[in-house]
Protein backbone atom coordinates (compact mmCIF):
# COMPACT_ATOMS: atom_id res chain seq x y z
CA MET A 1 6.14 6.69 5.24
CA LYS A 2 7.84 4.14 3.05
CA PHE A 3 6.34 0.86 1.91
CA GLU A 4 8.96 -1.08 3.89
CA ASP A 5 7.95 0.85 7.00
CA LEU A 6 4.37 -0.30 6.53
CA LYS A 7 5.54 -3.90 6.37
CA GLN A 8 7.43 -3.43 9.64
CA VAL A 9 4.40 -1.90 11.35
CA THR A 10 2.13 -4.76 10.25
CA LYS A 11 4.20 -7.07 12.47
CA LEU A 12 3.04 -5.27 15.60
CA PRO A 13 0.45 -7.19 17.68
CA LYS A 14 -2.37 -4.66 17.27
CA GLU A 15 -5.15 -6.35 15.34
CA PRO A 16 -7.25 -3.35 14.20
CA ILE A 17 -4.18 -1.40 13.12
CA VAL A 18 -2.70 -4.46 11.45
CA ASN A 19 -5.88 -5.07 9.50
CA LEU A 20 -5.99 -1.44 8.41
CA LEU A 21 -2.37 -1.49 7.29
CA LYS A 22 -2.96 -4.76 5.43
CA LEU A 23 -5.67 -2.95 3.46
CA VAL A 24 -3.28 -0.07 2.81
CA GLU A 25 -0.63 -2.54 1.68
CA ILE A 26 -3.09 -4.17 -0.71
CA TYR A 27 -4.12 -0.70 -1.95
CA TYR A 28 -0.52 0.19 -2.76
CA ALA A 29 0.04 -3.20 -4.40
CA VAL A 30 -2.99 -2.66 -6.64
CA ASP A 31 -1.87 0.89 -7.40
CA GLU A 32 1.61 -0.32 -8.32
CA PHE A 33 0.03 -2.94 -10.57
CA LEU A 34 -2.04 -0.24 -12.28
CA ARG A 35 1.04 1.95 -12.68
CA ASN A 36 2.76 -0.93 -14.45
CA LEU A 37 -0.24 -1.36 -16.73
CA PHE A 38 -0.44 2.35 -17.46
CA PRO A 39 3.12 3.75 -17.24
CA VAL A 40 1.99 7.08 -18.69
CA GLY A 41 0.53 8.06 -15.33
CA ASN A 42 -1.99 6.87 -12.82
CA LYS A 43 -4.54 9.49 -11.83
CA TRP A 44 -6.16 7.16 -9.29
CA LEU A 45 -3.44 7.71 -6.69
CA ASN A 46 -1.64 10.97 -7.35
CA VAL A 47 1.59 10.98 -5.33
C-alpha cells in the first residue's frame, strides 16, 4: 500500500478507520523525518 493510497483512504467517512490511518500517516511521517536525519539507515522501521 502506497502512502498516497493511505491519504485517499483517510477521506472515507469511517471514523475509527480514519483515526487509525491518521496515526499510521503520522507514523510514516515521523519515520521519514528520522530517515532524513539518519540517511545511513533507519532500523526503527525496516522496509
